[in-house]
Structure formats: structure tokens, C-alpha cells
């Protein structure tokens, strides 16, 4: 598995400056989700990783909900850059 084959959307300088921003957190969760998904394709019975994946998905979902409420334009841009489906509203 190649570690650096994931999303190069954010440059290295932006990563160092804005590690606490909502966009960076969603970006890093998306990378973790994709890495865990590839792992689970090979190891289907790794239940601890499945649980971790579900927790990360929930965190990313909450951050996306927060961003969509605060700034809809930034939310739309981030979703299009990361190829994430728009969240379902109930």
C-alpha cells in the first residue's frame, strides 16, 4: 500500500499552518477513511478496524454538518475537492 497516493488537495505549508481548521480535520479523516477502507478490503474480519472506521466516519459527519451550517460555500468547495457525497438531512 502506498501511503502518499491519497488526496494532495492541501499544500504542505497549509498543512503546517492550519492543523486545527475544520477543513484540515475533514481532509485528514478522509485520508484515514480511505486507508482503512483499503485495509478492510484485504482483512474482512478485522472488527477493531471496522469499529475505528465507523467512529471516524461519525466524526467526519459531525464536522461536515458543522461546516455546512457555518459556511455553505466552503462546505460545497470541500465536498467537490474530496469527492464526498453531500450529507443526507433527516
PDB file of N, CA and C in Angstrom:
ATOM      1  N   UNK A   1       0.845  -1.179   0.000  1.00  0.00           N
ATOM      2  CA  UNK A   1       0.000   0.000   0.000  1.00  0.00           C
ATOM      3  C   UNK A   1       0.890   1.241   0.000  1.00  0.00           C
ATOM      4  N   UNK A   2       0.580   2.179  -0.862  1.00  0.00           N
ATOM      5  CA  UNK A   2       1.346   3.410  -0.965  1.00  0.00           C
ATOM      6  C   UNK A   2       0.686   4.460  -0.092  1.00  0.00           C
ATOM      7  N   UNK A   3       1.434   5.028   0.860  1.00  0.00           N
ATOM      8  CA  UNK A   3       0.837   5.963   1.810  1.00  0.00           C
ATOM      9  C   UNK A   3       0.552   7.321   1.198  1.00  0.00           C
ATOM     10  N   UNK A   4       1.361   7.774   0.261  1.00  0.00           N
ATOM     11  CA  UNK A   4       1.211   9.121  -0.272  1.00  0.00           C
ATOM     12  C   UNK A   4       0.344   9.181  -1.523  1.00  0.00           C
ATOM     13  N   UNK A   5      -0.404   8.140  -1.810  1.00  0.00           N
ATOM     14  CA  UNK A   5      -1.237   8.134  -3.003  1.00  0.00           C
ATOM     15  C   UNK A   5      -2.616   8.726  -2.749  1.00  0.00           C
ATOM     16  N   UNK A   6      -2.816   9.308  -1.579  1.00  0.00           N
ATOM     17  CA  UNK A   6      -4.123   9.859  -1.255  1.00  0.00           C
ATOM     18  C   UNK A   6      -4.212  11.315  -1.691  1.00  0.00           C
ATOM     19  N   UNK A   7      -5.134  12.028  -1.197  1.00  0.00           N
ATOM     20  CA  UNK A   7      -5.549  13.328  -1.699  1.00  0.00           C
ATOM     21  C   UNK A   7      -4.492  14.413  -1.478  1.00  0.00           C
ATOM     22  N   UNK A   8      -3.908  14.952  -2.546  1.00  0.00           N
ATOM     23  CA  UNK A   8      -2.949  16.056  -2.395  1.00  0.00           C
ATOM     24  C   UNK A   8      -3.616  17.414  -2.575  1.00  0.00           C
ATOM     25  N   UNK A   9      -4.743  17.652  -1.932  1.00  0.00           N
ATOM     26  CA  UNK A   9      -5.506  18.891  -2.116  1.00  0.00           C
ATOM     27  C   UNK A   9      -4.860  20.049  -1.356  1.00  0.00           C
ATOM     28  N   UNK A  10      -4.360  19.783  -0.160  1.00  0.00           N
ATOM     29  CA  UNK A  10      -3.813  20.837   0.684  1.00  0.00           C
ATOM     30  C   UNK A  10      -2.293  20.817   0.579  1.00  0.00           C
ATOM     31  N   UNK A  11      -1.693  21.972   0.337  1.00  0.00           N
ATOM     32  CA  UNK A  11      -0.242  22.047   0.197  1.00  0.00           C
ATOM     33  C   UNK A  11       0.438  21.866   1.554  1.00  0.00           C
ATOM     34  N   UNK A  12       1.744  21.646   1.533  1.00  0.00           N
ATOM     35  CA  UNK A  12       2.489  21.377   2.763  1.00  0.00           C
ATOM     36  C   UNK A  12       2.475  22.571   3.716  1.00  0.00           C
ATOM     37  N   UNK A  13       2.579  23.810   3.188  1.00  0.00           N
ATOM     38  CA  UNK A  13       2.556  24.993   4.059  1.00  0.00           C
ATOM     39  C   UNK A  13       1.208  25.133   4.755  1.00  0.00           C
ATOM     40  N   UNK A  14       0.115  24.884   4.017  1.00  0.00           N
ATOM     41  CA  UNK A  14      -1.211  24.985   4.610  1.00  0.00           C
ATOM     42  C   UNK A  14      -1.406  23.919   5.683  1.00  0.00           C
ATOM     43  N   UNK A  15      -0.813  22.744   5.493  1.00  0.00           N
ATOM     44  CA  UNK A  15      -0.928  21.692   6.494  1.00  0.00           C
ATOM     45  C   UNK A  15      -0.289  22.118   7.804  1.00  0.00           C
ATOM     46  N   UNK A  16       0.866  22.753   7.727  1.00  0.00           N
ATOM     47  CA  UNK A  16       1.570  23.148   8.947  1.00  0.00           C
ATOM     48  C   UNK A  16       0.867  24.301   9.657  1.00  0.00           C
ATOM     49  N   UNK A  17       0.240  25.211   8.901  1.00  0.00           N
ATOM     50  CA  UNK A  17      -0.390  26.384   9.497  1.00  0.00           C
ATOM     51  C   UNK A  17      -1.757  26.078  10.098  1.00  0.00           C
ATOM     52  N   UNK A  18      -2.573  25.303   9.413  1.00  0.00           N
ATOM     53  CA  UNK A  18      -3.986  25.179   9.766  1.00  0.00           C
ATOM     54  C   UNK A  18      -4.375  23.779  10.218  1.00  0.00           C
ATOM     55  N   UNK A  19      -3.615  23.181  11.107  1.00  0.00           N
ATOM     56  CA  UNK A  19      -3.940  21.823  11.530  1.00  0.00           C
ATOM     57  C   UNK A  19      -5.216  21.753  12.349  1.00  0.00           C
ATOM     58  N   UNK A  20      -5.658  22.845  12.904  1.00  0.00           N
ATOM     59  CA  UNK A  20      -6.864  22.837  13.709  1.00  0.00           C
ATOM     60  C   UNK A  20      -8.107  23.248  12.951  1.00  0.00           C
ATOM     61  N   UNK A  21      -7.971  23.642  11.698  1.00  0.00           N
ATOM     62  CA  UNK A  21      -9.135  24.098  10.949  1.00  0.00           C
ATOM     63  C   UNK A  21     -10.058  22.928  10.622  1.00  0.00           C
ATOM     64  N   UNK A  22     -11.306  23.240  10.427  1.00  0.00           N
ATOM     65  CA  UNK A  22     -12.296  22.213  10.136  1.00  0.00           C
ATOM     66  C   UNK A  22     -11.969  21.520   8.819  1.00  0.00           C
ATOM     67  N   UNK A  23     -11.544  22.291   7.817  1.00  0.00           N
ATOM     68  CA  UNK A  23     -11.232  21.701   6.520  1.00  0.00           C
ATOM     69  C   UNK A  23     -10.089  20.699   6.633  1.00  0.00           C
ATOM     70  N   UNK A  24      -9.048  21.049   7.389  1.00  0.00           N
ATOM     71  CA  UNK A  24      -7.926  20.136   7.531  1.00  0.00           C
ATOM     72  C   UNK A  24      -8.332  18.869   8.263  1.00  0.00           C
ATOM     73  N   UNK A  25      -9.175  19.005   9.292  1.00  0.00           N
ATOM     74  CA  UNK A  25      -9.616  17.827  10.031  1.00  0.00           C
ATOM     75  C   UNK A  25     -10.437  16.905   9.143  1.00  0.00           C
ATOM     76  N   UNK A  26     -11.324  17.473   8.318  1.00  0.00           N
ATOM     77  CA  UNK A  26     -12.115  16.658   7.399  1.00  0.00           C
ATOM     78  C   UNK A  26     -11.204  15.994   6.379  1.00  0.00           C
ATOM     79  N   UNK A  27     -10.200  16.733   5.906  1.00  0.00           N
ATOM     80  CA  UNK A  27      -9.228  16.199   4.961  1.00  0.00           C
ATOM     81  C   UNK A  27      -8.472  15.017   5.566  1.00  0.00           C
ATOM     82  N   UNK A  28      -8.012  15.155   6.805  1.00  0.00           N
ATOM     83  CA  UNK A  28      -7.242  14.074   7.415  1.00  0.00           C
ATOM     84  C   UNK A  28      -8.141  12.876   7.730  1.00  0.00           C
ATOM     85  N   UNK A  29      -9.382  13.107   8.162  1.00  0.00           N
ATOM     86  CA  UNK A  29     -10.306  11.996   8.382  1.00  0.00           C
ATOM     87  C   UNK A  29     -10.600  11.266   7.081  1.00  0.00           C
ATOM     88  N   UNK A  30     -10.716  12.003   5.975  1.00  0.00           N
ATOM     89  CA  UNK A  30     -10.977  11.369   4.684  1.00  0.00           C
ATOM     90  C   UNK A  30      -9.809  10.481   4.280  1.00  0.00           C
ATOM     91  N   UNK A  31      -8.587  10.945   4.514  1.00  0.00           N
ATOM     92  CA  UNK A  31      -7.424  10.102   4.219  1.00  0.00           C
ATOM     93  C   UNK A  31      -7.427   8.840   5.078  1.00  0.00           C
ATOM     94  N   UNK A  32      -7.744   8.985   6.357  1.00  0.00           N
ATOM     95  CA  UNK A  32      -7.790   7.817   7.243  1.00  0.00           C
ATOM     96  C   UNK A  32      -8.882   6.843   6.800  1.00  0.00           C
ATOM     97  N   UNK A  33     -10.030   7.380   6.389  1.00  0.00           N
ATOM     98  CA  UNK A  33     -11.140   6.540   5.948  1.00  0.00           C
ATOM     99  C   UNK A  33     -10.745   5.749   4.713  1.00  0.00           C
ATOM    100  N   UNK A  34     -10.100   6.397   3.771  1.00  0.00           N
ATOM    101  CA  UNK A  34      -9.695   5.691   2.552  1.00  0.00           C
ATOM    102  C   UNK A  34      -8.629   4.644   2.833  1.00  0.00           C
ATOM    103  N   UNK A  35      -7.712   4.957   3.746  1.00  0.00           N
ATOM    104  CA  UNK A  35      -6.677   3.994   4.110  1.00  0.00           C
ATOM    105  C   UNK A  35      -7.290   2.782   4.807  1.00  0.00           C
ATOM    106  N   UNK A  36      -8.217   3.022   5.744  1.00  0.00           N
ATOM    107  CA  UNK A  36      -8.864   1.914   6.444  1.00  0.00           C
ATOM    108  C   UNK A  36      -9.739   1.090   5.504  1.00  0.00           C
ATOM    109  N   UNK A  37     -10.372   1.721   4.545  1.00  0.00           N
ATOM    110  CA  UNK A  37     -11.200   1.004   3.584  1.00  0.00           C
ATOM    111  C   UNK A  37     -10.349   0.042   2.764  1.00  0.00           C
ATOM    112  N   UNK A  38      -9.186   0.507   2.323  1.00  0.00           N
ATOM    113  CA  UNK A  38      -8.282  -0.385   1.594  1.00  0.00           C
ATOM    114  C   UNK A  38      -7.817  -1.541   2.480  1.00  0.00           C
ATOM    115  N   UNK A  39      -7.544  -1.259   3.743  1.00  0.00           N
ATOM    116  CA  UNK A  39      -7.125  -2.301   4.673  1.00  0.00           C
ATOM    117  C   UNK A  39      -8.233  -3.334   4.862  1.00  0.00           C
ATOM    118  N   UNK A  40      -9.472  -2.859   4.986  1.00  0.00           N
ATOM    119  CA  UNK A  40     -10.581  -3.774   5.251  1.00  0.00           C
ATOM    120  C   UNK A  40     -10.962  -4.599   4.025  1.00  0.00           C
ATOM    121  N   UNK A  41     -10.578  -4.151   2.828  1.00  0.00           N
ATOM    122  CA  UNK A  41     -10.804  -4.986   1.652  1.00  0.00           C
ATOM    123  C   UNK A  41      -9.947  -6.246   1.709  1.00  0.00           C
ATOM    124  N   UNK A  42      -8.758  -6.130   2.292  1.00  0.00           N
ATOM    125  CA  UNK A  42      -7.873  -7.283   2.427  1.00  0.00           C
ATOM    126  C   UNK A  42      -8.182  -8.112   3.666  1.00  0.00           C
ATOM    127  N   UNK A  43      -8.546  -7.452   4.766  1.00  0.00           N
ATOM    128  CA  UNK A  43      -8.762  -8.113   6.052  1.00  0.00           C
ATOM    129  C   UNK A  43     -10.206  -7.894   6.477  1.00  0.00           C
ATOM    130  N   UNK A  44     -11.090  -8.718   5.960  1.00  0.00           N
ATOM    131  CA  UNK A  44     -12.520  -8.516   6.174  1.00  0.00           C
ATOM    132  C   UNK A  44     -12.959  -8.744   7.622  1.00  0.00           C
ATOM    133  N   UNK A  45     -12.242  -9.553   8.365  1.00  0.00           N
ATOM    134  CA  UNK A  45     -12.667  -9.873   9.728  1.00  0.00           C
ATOM    135  C   UNK A  45     -11.945  -9.048  10.786  1.00  0.00           C
ATOM    136  N   UNK A  46     -11.356  -7.947  10.411  1.00  0.00           N
ATOM    137  CA  UNK A  46     -10.680  -7.075  11.364  1.00  0.00           C
ATOM    138  C   UNK A  46     -11.728  -6.147  11.979  1.00  0.00           C
ATOM    139  N   UNK A  47     -12.377  -6.636  13.027  1.00  0.00           N
ATOM    140  CA  UNK A  47     -13.523  -5.930  13.585  1.00  0.00           C
ATOM    141  C   UNK A  47     -13.123  -4.663  14.332  1.00  0.00           C
ATOM    142  N   UNK A  48     -11.934  -4.640  14.903  1.00  0.00           N
ATOM    143  CA  UNK A  48     -11.492  -3.420  15.584  1.00  0.00           C
ATOM    144  C   UNK A  48     -11.280  -2.288  14.590  1.00  0.00           C
ATOM    145  N   UNK A  49     -10.753  -2.608  13.424  1.00  0.00           N
ATOM    146  CA  UNK A  49     -10.592  -1.575  12.401  1.00  0.00           C
ATOM    147  C   UNK A  49     -11.940  -1.115  11.869  1.00  0.00           C
ATOM    148  N   UNK A  50     -12.900  -2.042  11.788  1.00  0.00           N
ATOM    149  CA  UNK A  50     -14.241  -1.650  11.361  1.00  0.00           C
ATOM    150  C   UNK A  50     -14.858  -0.669  12.351  1.00  0.00           C
ATOM    151  N   UNK A  51     -14.642  -0.936  13.634  1.00  0.00           N
ATOM    152  CA  UNK A  51     -15.171  -0.039  14.654  1.00  0.00           C
ATOM    153  C   UNK A  51     -14.504   1.327  14.568  1.00  0.00           C
ATOM    154  N   UNK A  52     -13.187   1.329  14.378  1.00  0.00           N
ATOM    155  CA  UNK A  52     -12.472   2.591  14.222  1.00  0.00           C
ATOM    156  C   UNK A  52     -12.948   3.371  13.015  1.00  0.00           C
ATOM    157  N   UNK A  53     -13.227   2.656  11.924  1.00  0.00           N
ATOM    158  CA  UNK A  53     -13.731   3.306  10.714  1.00  0.00           C
ATOM    159  C   UNK A  53     -15.084   3.953  10.981  1.00  0.00           C
ATOM    160  N   UNK A  54     -15.963   3.250  11.690  1.00  0.00           N
ATOM    161  CA  UNK A  54     -17.274   3.825  11.996  1.00  0.00           C
ATOM    162  C   UNK A  54     -17.155   5.064  12.873  1.00  0.00           C
ATOM    163  N   UNK A  55     -16.213   5.050  13.823  1.00  0.00           N
ATOM    164  CA  UNK A  55     -16.014   6.220  14.686  1.00  0.00           C
ATOM    165  C   UNK A  55     -15.504   7.410  13.884  1.00  0.00           C
ATOM    166  N   UNK A  56     -14.554   7.173  12.992  1.00  0.00           N
ATOM    167  CA  UNK A  56     -14.008   8.256  12.171  1.00  0.00           C
ATOM    168  C   UNK A  56     -15.077   8.796  11.223  1.00  0.00           C
ATOM    169  N   UNK A  57     -15.906   7.904  10.666  1.00  0.00           N
ATOM    170  CA  UNK A  57     -16.993   8.354   9.799  1.00  0.00           C
ATOM    171  C   UNK A  57     -17.958   9.262  10.551  1.00  0.00           C
ATOM    172  N   UNK A  58     -18.256   8.928  11.796  1.00  0.00           N
ATOM    173  CA  UNK A  58     -19.146   9.756  12.606  1.00  0.00           C
ATOM    174  C   UNK A  58     -18.546  11.116  12.903  1.00  0.00           C
ATOM    175  N   UNK A  59     -17.249  11.136  13.223  1.00  0.00           N
ATOM    176  CA  UNK A  59     -16.587  12.411  13.483  1.00  0.00           C
ATOM    177  C   UNK A  59     -16.595  13.294  12.245  1.00  0.00           C
ATOM    178  N   UNK A  60     -16.288  12.682  11.087  1.00  0.00           N
ATOM    179  CA  UNK A  60     -16.277  13.472   9.853  1.00  0.00           C
ATOM    180  C   UNK A  60     -17.672  13.977   9.521  1.00  0.00           C
ATOM    181  N   UNK A  61     -18.676  13.160   9.770  1.00  0.00           N
ATOM    182  CA  UNK A  61     -20.051  13.574   9.508  1.00  0.00           C
ATOM    183  C   UNK A  61     -20.448  14.760  10.379  1.00  0.00           C
ATOM    184  N   UNK A  62     -20.053  14.742  11.652  1.00  0.00           N
ATOM    185  CA  UNK A  62     -20.368  15.865  12.542  1.00  0.00           C
ATOM    186  C   UNK A  62     -19.640  17.132  12.105  1.00  0.00           C
ATOM    187  N   UNK A  63     -18.374  16.997  11.682  1.00  0.00           N
ATOM    188  CA  UNK A  63     -17.638  18.173  11.214  1.00  0.00           C
ATOM    189  C   UNK A  63     -18.237  18.733   9.931  1.00  0.00           C
ATOM    190  N   UNK A  64     -18.665  17.849   9.028  1.00  0.00           N
ATOM    191  CA  UNK A  64     -19.305  18.321   7.800  1.00  0.00           C
ATOM    192  C   UNK A  64     -20.620  19.031   8.098  1.00  0.00           C
ATOM    193  N   UNK A  65     -21.372  18.537   9.067  1.00  0.00           N
ATOM    194  CA  UNK A  65     -22.621  19.196   9.453  1.00  0.00           C
ATOM    195  C   UNK A  65     -22.336  20.579  10.021  1.00  0.00           C
ATOM    196  N   UNK A  66     -21.314  20.674  10.854  1.00  0.00           N
ATOM    197  CA  UNK A  66     -20.927  21.963  11.425  1.00  0.00           C
ATOM    198  C   UNK A  66     -20.515  22.941  10.330  1.00  0.00           C
ATOM    199  N   UNK A  67     -19.692  22.478   9.394  1.00  0.00           N
ATOM    200  CA  UNK A  67     -19.219  23.356   8.326  1.00  0.00           C
ATOM    201  C   UNK A  67     -20.363  23.789   7.414  1.00  0.00           C
ATOM    202  N   UNK A  68     -21.312  22.892   7.157  1.00  0.00           N
ATOM    203  CA  UNK A  68     -22.428  23.265   6.286  1.00  0.00           C
ATOM    204  C   UNK A  68     -23.315  24.315   6.942  1.00  0.00           C
ATOM    205  N   UNK A  69     -23.410  24.289   8.279  1.00  0.00           N
ATOM    206  CA  UNK A  69     -24.204  25.304   8.977  1.00  0.00           C
ATOM    207  C   UNK A  69     -23.478  26.643   9.010  1.00  0.00           C
ATOM    208  N   UNK A  70     -22.159  26.615   9.202  1.00  0.00           N
ATOM    209  CA  UNK A  70     -21.399  27.849   9.369  1.00  0.00           C
ATOM    210  C   UNK A  70     -21.088  28.535   8.040  1.00  0.00           C
ATOM    211  N   UNK A  71     -20.625  27.756   7.062  1.00  0.00           N
ATOM    212  CA  UNK A  71     -20.218  28.368   5.799  1.00  0.00           C
ATOM    213  C   UNK A  71     -20.519  27.400   4.664  1.00  0.00           C
ATOM    214  N   UNK A  72     -21.636  27.623   3.999  1.00  0.00           N
ATOM    215  CA  UNK A  72     -22.112  26.703   2.960  1.00  0.00           C
ATOM    216  C   UNK A  72     -21.186  26.679   1.747  1.00  0.00           C
ATOM    217  N   UNK A  73     -20.558  27.811   1.418  1.00  0.00           N
ATOM    218  CA  UNK A  73     -19.686  27.891   0.242  1.00  0.00           C
ATOM    219  C   UNK A  73     -18.438  27.041   0.453  1.00  0.00           C
ATOM    220  N   UNK A  74     -17.800  27.181   1.622  1.00  0.00           N
ATOM    221  CA  UNK A  74     -16.612  26.377   1.925  1.00  0.00           C
ATOM    222  C   UNK A  74     -16.960  24.893   1.973  1.00  0.00           C
ATOM    223  N   UNK A  75     -18.142  24.568   2.470  1.00  0.00           N
ATOM    224  CA  UNK A  75     -18.609  23.186   2.534  1.00  0.00           C
ATOM    225  C   UNK A  75     -18.727  22.595   1.128  1.00  0.00           C
ATOM    226  N   UNK A  76     -19.351  23.325   0.219  1.00  0.00           N
ATOM    227  CA  UNK A  76     -19.523  22.839  -1.158  1.00  0.00           C
ATOM    228  C   UNK A  76     -18.176  22.652  -1.846  1.00  0.00           C
ATOM    229  N   UNK A  77     -17.244  23.611  -1.643  1.00  0.00           N
ATOM    230  CA  UNK A  77     -15.919  23.503  -2.260  1.00  0.00           C
ATOM    231  C   UNK A  77     -15.175  22.280  -1.745  1.00  0.00           C
ATOM    232  N   UNK A  78     -15.221  22.066  -0.441  1.00  0.00           N
ATOM    233  CA  UNK A  78     -14.502  20.945   0.158  1.00  0.00           C
ATOM    234  C   UNK A  78     -15.072  19.613  -0.312  1.00  0.00           C
ATOM    235  N   UNK A  79     -16.374  19.513  -0.386  1.00  0.00           N
ATOM    236  CA  UNK A  79     -17.003  18.274  -0.849  1.00  0.00           C
ATOM    237  C   UNK A  79     -16.609  17.975  -2.288  1.00  0.00           C
ATOM    238  N   UNK A  80     -16.579  18.993  -3.123  1.00  0.00           N
ATOM    239  CA  UNK A  80     -16.213  18.754  -4.520  1.00  0.00           C
ATOM    240  C   UNK A  80     -14.733  18.391  -4.660  1.00  0.00           C
ATOM    241  N   UNK A  81     -13.859  18.972  -3.832  1.00  0.00           N
ATOM    242  CA  UNK A  81     -12.436  18.639  -3.896  1.00  0.00           C
ATOM    243  C   UNK A  81     -12.158  17.225  -3.426  1.00  0.00           C
ATOM    244  N   UNK A  82     -12.853  16.785  -2.383  1.00  0.00           N
ATOM    245  CA  UNK A  82     -12.574  15.478  -1.794  1.00  0.00           C
ATOM    246  C   UNK A  82     -13.420  14.359  -2.374  1.00  0.00           C
ATOM    247  N   UNK A  83     -14.332  14.667  -3.276  1.00  0.00           N
ATOM    248  CA  UNK A  83     -15.250  13.682  -3.863  1.00  0.00           C
ATOM    249  C   UNK A  83     -16.048  12.941  -2.794  1.00  0.00           C
ATOM    250  N   UNK A  84     -16.683  13.727  -1.931  1.00  0.00           N
ATOM    251  CA  UNK A  84     -17.524  13.185  -0.874  1.00  0.00           C
ATOM    252  C   UNK A  84     -18.976  13.480  -1.266  1.00  0.00           C
ATOM    253  N   UNK A  85     -19.858  12.523  -0.991  1.00  0.00           N
ATOM    254  CA  UNK A  85     -21.276  12.792  -1.249  1.00  0.00           C
ATOM    255  C   UNK A  85     -21.798  13.782  -0.217  1.00  0.00           C
ATOM    256  N   UNK A  86     -22.767  14.572  -0.623  1.00  0.00           N
ATOM    257  CA  UNK A  86     -23.363  15.530   0.316  1.00  0.00           C
ATOM    258  C   UNK A  86     -24.150  14.765   1.356  1.00  0.00           C
ATOM    259  N   UNK A  87     -24.090  15.259   2.591  1.00  0.00           N
ATOM    260  CA  UNK A  87     -24.704  14.523   3.691  1.00  0.00           C
ATOM    261  C   UNK A  87     -26.225  14.545   3.557  1.00  0.00           C
ATOM    262  N   UNK A  88     -26.847  13.470   4.046  1.00  0.00           N
ATOM    263  CA  UNK A  88     -28.298  13.341   3.997  1.00  0.00           C
ATOM    264  C   UNK A  88     -28.898  14.061   5.191  1.00  0.00           C
ATOM    265  N   UNK A  89     -29.902  14.865   4.969  1.00  0.00           N
ATOM    266  CA  UNK A  89     -30.613  15.505   6.066  1.00  0.00           C
ATOM    267  C   UNK A  89     -31.861  14.696   6.385  1.00  0.00           C
ATOM    268  N   UNK A  90     -32.214  14.651   7.633  1.00  0.00           N
ATOM    269  CA  UNK A  90     -33.381  13.847   8.056  1.00  0.00           C
ATOM    270  C   UNK A  90     -34.621  14.663   8.070  1.00  0.00           C
TER     271      UNK A  90
END
